[in-house]
C-alpha atoms as a PDB file:
ATOM      1  CA  MET A   1     121.964 294.997  94.679  1.00  0.00           C
ATOM      2  CA  PRO A   2     123.444 292.878  92.043  1.00  0.00           C
ATOM      3  CA  LYS A   3     122.163 293.311  88.088  1.00  0.00           C
ATOM      4  CA  PRO A   4     119.386 290.711  87.794  1.00  0.00           C
ATOM      5  CA  ALA A   5     117.833 291.350  91.069  1.00  0.00           C
ATOM      6  CA  LYS A   6     117.853 295.158  89.631  1.00  0.00           C
ATOM      7  CA  ARG A   7     116.019 293.667  86.523  1.00  0.00           C
ATOM      8  CA  ILE A   8     113.533 291.660  88.842  1.00  0.00           C
ATOM      9  CA  VAL A   9     112.745 294.401  90.736  1.00  0.00           C
ATOM     10  CA  LEU A  10     112.109 296.525  88.148  1.00  0.00           C
ATOM     11  CA  GLY A  11     110.381 294.412  85.731  1.00  0.00           C
ATOM     12  CA  LEU A  12     107.784 293.321  89.096  1.00  0.00           C
ATOM     13  CA  LEU A  13     107.023 297.622  89.308  1.00  0.00           C
ATOM     14  CA  ILE A  14     106.528 297.730  85.448  1.00  0.00           C
ATOM     15  CA  ALA A  15     103.990 294.644  86.029  1.00  0.00           C
ATOM     16  CA  TRP A  16     102.512 296.676  89.036  1.00  0.00           C
ATOM     17  CA  ALA A  17     101.892 299.532  87.141  1.00  0.00           C
ATOM     18  CA  VAL A  18     100.091 297.843  83.691  1.00  0.00           C
ATOM     19  CA  LEU A  19      98.396 294.996  85.160  1.00  0.00           C
ATOM     20  CA  PRO A  20      94.686 296.470  85.834  1.00  0.00           C
ATOM     21  CA  GLU A  21      93.308 296.881  89.189  1.00  0.00           C
ATOM     22  CA  TRP A  22      89.965 295.182  89.685  1.00  0.00           C
ATOM     23  CA  PRO A  23      88.807 296.465  92.868  1.00  0.00           C
ATOM     24  CA  ARG A  24      85.812 295.009  94.820  1.00  0.00           C
ATOM     25  CA  ILE A  25      82.948 296.492  96.486  1.00  0.00           C
ATOM     26  CA  PRO A  26      84.373 298.047 100.233  1.00  0.00           C
ATOM     27  CA  VAL A  27      81.277 296.503 102.361  1.00  0.00           C
ATOM     28  CA  GLU A  28      80.864 293.210 102.797  1.00  0.00           C
ATOM     29  CA  GLY A  29      77.477 291.681 101.419  1.00  0.00           C
ATOM     30  CA  ALA A  30      77.262 294.910  99.471  1.00  0.00           C
ATOM     31  CA  SER A  31      75.804 295.353  95.904  1.00  0.00           C
ATOM     32  CA  ALA A  32      75.423 298.574  93.563  1.00  0.00           C
ATOM     33  CA  ARG A  33      72.110 297.735  94.579  1.00  0.00           C
ATOM     34  CA  ASP A  34      72.822 299.402  98.400  1.00  0.00           C
ATOM     35  CA  TRP A  35      74.366 303.373  96.969  1.00  0.00           C
ATOM     36  CA  ASN A  36      72.700 305.892  94.641  1.00  0.00           C
ATOM     37  CA  PRO A  37      74.944 306.689  91.755  1.00  0.00           C
ATOM     38  CA  ARG A  38      73.788 310.306  91.567  1.00  0.00           C
ATOM     39  CA  THR A  39      75.686 311.109  94.822  1.00  0.00           C
ATOM     40  CA  PHE A  40      79.052 311.247  93.354  1.00  0.00           C
ATOM     41  CA  TRP A  41      79.558 315.190  92.627  1.00  0.00           C
ATOM     42  CA  PHE A  42      75.998 315.760  94.536  1.00  0.00           C
ATOM     43  CA  GLU A  43      75.572 319.055  94.997  1.00  0.00           C
ATOM     44  CA  PRO A  44      75.021 321.097  97.874  1.00  0.00           C
ATOM     45  CA  TRP A  45      76.884 318.577  99.844  1.00  0.00           C
ATOM     46  CA  GLY A  46      77.535 320.434 103.496  1.00  0.00           C
ATOM     47  CA  ARG A  47      80.877 322.203 104.153  1.00  0.00           C
ATOM     48  CA  SER A  48      82.790 320.271 101.291  1.00  0.00           C
ATOM     49  CA  GLY A  49      80.176 321.541  98.761  1.00  0.00           C
ATOM     50  CA  VAL A  50      80.427 318.978  96.470  1.00  0.00           C
ATOM     51  CA  HIS A  51      79.733 314.753  97.650  1.00  0.00           C
ATOM     52  CA  LYS A  52      83.244 313.620  96.308  1.00  0.00           C
ATOM     53  CA  GLY A  53      82.077 309.645  96.663  1.00  0.00           C
ATOM     54  CA  ILE A  54      79.613 307.567  97.076  1.00  0.00           C
ATOM     55  CA  ASP A  55      77.655 306.318 100.521  1.00  0.00           C
ATOM     56  CA  ILE A  56      77.626 302.438 100.651  1.00  0.00           C
ATOM     57  CA  PHE A  57      74.506 301.783 103.265  1.00  0.00           C
ATOM     58  CA  ALA A  58      74.569 298.770 105.089  1.00  0.00           C
ATOM     59  CA  ARG A  59      73.725 298.170 109.400  1.00  0.00           C
ATOM     60  CA  SER A  60      75.979 299.193 111.697  1.00  0.00           C
ATOM     61  CA  GLY A  61      78.668 297.176 112.292  1.00  0.00           C
ATOM     62  CA  THR A  62      79.027 295.200 108.907  1.00  0.00           C
ATOM     63  CA  PRO A  63      82.695 294.255 107.337  1.00  0.00           C
ATOM     64  CA  VAL A  64      84.339 297.059 105.385  1.00  0.00           C
ATOM     65  CA  ARG A  65      87.298 295.474 103.571  1.00  0.00           C
ATOM     66  CA  SER A  66      90.081 296.667 101.475  1.00  0.00           C
ATOM     67  CA  ALA A  67      88.893 297.326  97.824  1.00  0.00           C
ATOM     68  CA  SER A  68      92.158 296.761  96.444  1.00  0.00           C
ATOM     69  CA  TYR A  69      95.581 296.150  97.264  1.00  0.00           C
ATOM     70  CA  GLY A  70      98.758 297.772  98.320  1.00  0.00           C
ATOM     71  CA  LEU A  71      99.361 300.942  99.670  1.00  0.00           C
ATOM     72  CA  ALA A  72      98.628 303.320  97.037  1.00  0.00           C
ATOM     73  CA  PRO A  73      97.075 300.860  94.559  1.00  0.00           C
ATOM     74  CA  LYS A  74      97.317 302.568  91.238  1.00  0.00           C
ATOM     75  CA  TRP A  75      98.426 305.661  91.898  1.00  0.00           C
ATOM     76  CA  ARG A  76      95.301 305.412  93.995  1.00  0.00           C
ATOM     77  CA  LEU A  77      94.052 306.543  97.476  1.00  0.00           C
ATOM     78  CA  HIS A  78      90.810 304.703  98.443  1.00  0.00           C
ATOM     79  CA  TYR A  79      89.279 306.423 101.343  1.00  0.00           C
ATOM     80  CA  TYR A  80      87.008 304.862 103.446  1.00  0.00           C
ATOM     81  CA  ALA A  81      85.181 307.712 106.205  1.00  0.00           C
ATOM     82  CA  HIS A  82      82.553 306.778 108.712  1.00  0.00           C
ATOM     83  CA  LEU A  83      84.450 303.667 110.398  1.00  0.00           C
ATOM     84  CA  ASP A  84      82.346 302.372 113.650  1.00  0.00           C
ATOM     85  CA  SER A  85      85.999 300.002 114.445  1.00  0.00           C
ATOM     86  CA  LEU A  86      89.192 300.191 113.222  1.00  0.00           C
ATOM     87  CA  ASP A  87      90.768 296.730 112.071  1.00  0.00           C
ATOM     88  CA  ALA A  88      94.060 298.332 109.926  1.00  0.00           C
ATOM     89  CA  TYR A  89      96.834 301.453 110.420  1.00  0.00           C
ATOM     90  CA  PRO A  90      97.488 304.036 108.052  1.00  0.00           C
ATOM     91  CA  GLY A  91     100.447 302.522 105.914  1.00  0.00           C
ATOM     92  CA  GLN A  92      99.947 299.153 106.337  1.00  0.00           C
ATOM     93  CA  PRO A  93      99.826 296.931 103.519  1.00  0.00           C
ATOM     94  CA  VAL A  94      96.624 295.083 102.342  1.00  0.00           C
ATOM     95  CA  LEU A  95      95.207 292.520 100.061  1.00  0.00           C
ATOM     96  CA  ALA A  96      92.091 293.126  98.017  1.00  0.00           C
ATOM     97  CA  GLY A  97      89.445 292.236 100.823  1.00  0.00           C
ATOM     98  CA  SER A  98      91.515 292.304 103.908  1.00  0.00           C
ATOM     99  CA  ARG A  99      89.258 293.966 107.181  1.00  0.00           C
ATOM    100  CA  LEU A 100      89.908 297.394 107.264  1.00  0.00           C
ATOM    101  CA  GLY A 101      86.585 297.943 110.192  1.00  0.00           C
ATOM    102  CA  THR A 102      83.093 298.311 110.231  1.00  0.00           C
ATOM    103  CA  VAL A 103      80.536 300.801 108.837  1.00  0.00           C
ATOM    104  CA  GLY A 104      79.111 303.067 111.121  1.00  0.00           C
ATOM    105  CA  THR A 105      78.080 306.770 111.637  1.00  0.00           C
ATOM    106  CA  THR A 106      81.099 308.226 112.791  1.00  0.00           C
ATOM    107  CA  GLY A 107      81.665 312.086 111.812  1.00  0.00           C
ATOM    108  CA  ASN A 108      79.425 314.217 109.790  1.00  0.00           C
ATOM    109  CA  ALA A 109      77.179 310.747 109.758  1.00  0.00           C
ATOM    110  CA  ARG A 110      76.219 310.870 113.315  1.00  0.00           C
ATOM    111  CA  GLY A 111      72.121 310.755 113.490  1.00  0.00           C
ATOM    112  CA  LYS A 112      72.140 309.242 109.775  1.00  0.00           C
ATOM    113  CA  PRO A 113      71.560 306.079 108.954  1.00  0.00           C
ATOM    114  CA  ALA A 114      75.064 303.941 108.943  1.00  0.00           C
ATOM    115  CA  HIS A 115      76.855 303.953 105.657  1.00  0.00           C
ATOM    116  CA  LEU A 116      80.806 303.857 104.241  1.00  0.00           C
ATOM    117  CA  HIS A 117      81.703 307.201 102.536  1.00  0.00           C
ATOM    118  CA  TYR A 118      83.600 305.722  99.756  1.00  0.00           C
ATOM    119  CA  ALA A 119      86.152 307.813  97.412  1.00  0.00           C
ATOM    120  CA  ILE A 120      88.522 306.753  95.020  1.00  0.00           C
ATOM    121  CA  ILE A 121      91.284 309.625  94.567  1.00  0.00           C
ATOM    122  CA  THR A 122      93.868 309.139  91.736  1.00  0.00           C
ATOM    123  CA  LEU A 123      97.374 310.520  92.678  1.00  0.00           C
ATOM    124  CA  LEU A 124      97.903 310.996  88.906  1.00  0.00           C
ATOM    125  CA  PRO A 125      95.417 313.966  87.720  1.00  0.00           C
ATOM    126  CA  TYR A 126      93.125 313.170  85.016  1.00  0.00           C
ATOM    127  CA  PRO A 127      92.669 316.695  82.924  1.00  0.00           C
ATOM    128  CA  TRP A 128      90.236 315.067  80.621  1.00  0.00           C
ATOM    129  CA  LEU A 129      87.699 314.923  83.341  1.00  0.00           C
ATOM    130  CA  ALA A 130      87.671 318.074  84.474  1.00  0.00           C
ATOM    131  CA  ASP A 131      84.635 320.454  83.826  1.00  0.00           C
ATOM    132  CA  ASP A 132      82.262 323.630  84.700  1.00  0.00           C
ATOM    133  CA  SER A 133      80.272 321.874  88.091  1.00  0.00           C
ATOM    134  CA  THR A 134      80.757 323.237  90.986  1.00  0.00           C
ATOM    135  CA  GLN A 135      84.601 322.679  92.470  1.00  0.00           C
ATOM    136  CA  GLY A 136      84.406 320.684  88.470  1.00  0.00           C
ATOM    137  CA  TRP A 137      88.380 321.706  88.382  1.00  0.00           C
ATOM    138  CA  LYS A 138      89.033 318.921  91.109  1.00  0.00           C
ATOM    139  CA  LYS A 139      87.080 315.900  89.077  1.00  0.00           C
ATOM    140  CA  MET A 140      90.648 315.469  87.361  1.00  0.00           C
ATOM    141  CA  PHE A 141      91.139 313.953  91.287  1.00  0.00           C
ATOM    142  CA  TYR A 142      88.365 312.070  91.741  1.00  0.00           C
ATOM    143  CA  LEU A 143      87.012 308.953  90.529  1.00  0.00           C
ATOM    144  CA  ASP A 144      83.301 308.041  90.376  1.00  0.00           C
ATOM    145  CA  PRO A 145      83.701 304.979  92.686  1.00  0.00           C
ATOM    146  CA  ASP A 146      80.097 304.062  90.853  1.00  0.00           C
ATOM    147  CA  THR A 147      81.831 303.472  87.482  1.00  0.00           C
ATOM    148  CA  VAL A 148      84.964 301.546  88.797  1.00  0.00           C
ATOM    149  CA  LEU A 149      83.095 299.217  91.422  1.00  0.00           C
ATOM    150  CA  PRO A 150      81.959 295.975  90.307  1.00  0.00           C
ATOM    151  CA  SER A 151      77.813 295.900  89.489  1.00  0.00           C
ATOM    152  CA  ARG A 152      77.244 292.950  90.843  1.00  0.00           C
END
């Protein structure tokens, strides 16, 4: 690759790394009223011990959209669980707002109200988030979606 092209690619990578991420609420039509902010790290929570995300409640079949762009935007993984249908595949590049599937009751949500379990996992640890709670050391890898998503 010629030197100018390398500089452009490097510049784009640096810009991507420092530009802020503005995630959106991943359930179409949902607002902050559709989840309980106190459920992040709530315990006891089944086999996992603590609830490492939030549950965004909606009618079954409501579209779920990508909260952010990319494959691993800002070194974060956005985890979407209990989808009734899938419209994307693992590793597929997505834009913020791309349709991923629909809200459902799959997995350990069977028999419960339809919802999207949404978690944000950072690949770069934030050690200052760790605390003395149950599995509190893992908090350096899990971001509270309620503090990241827009409140409207």
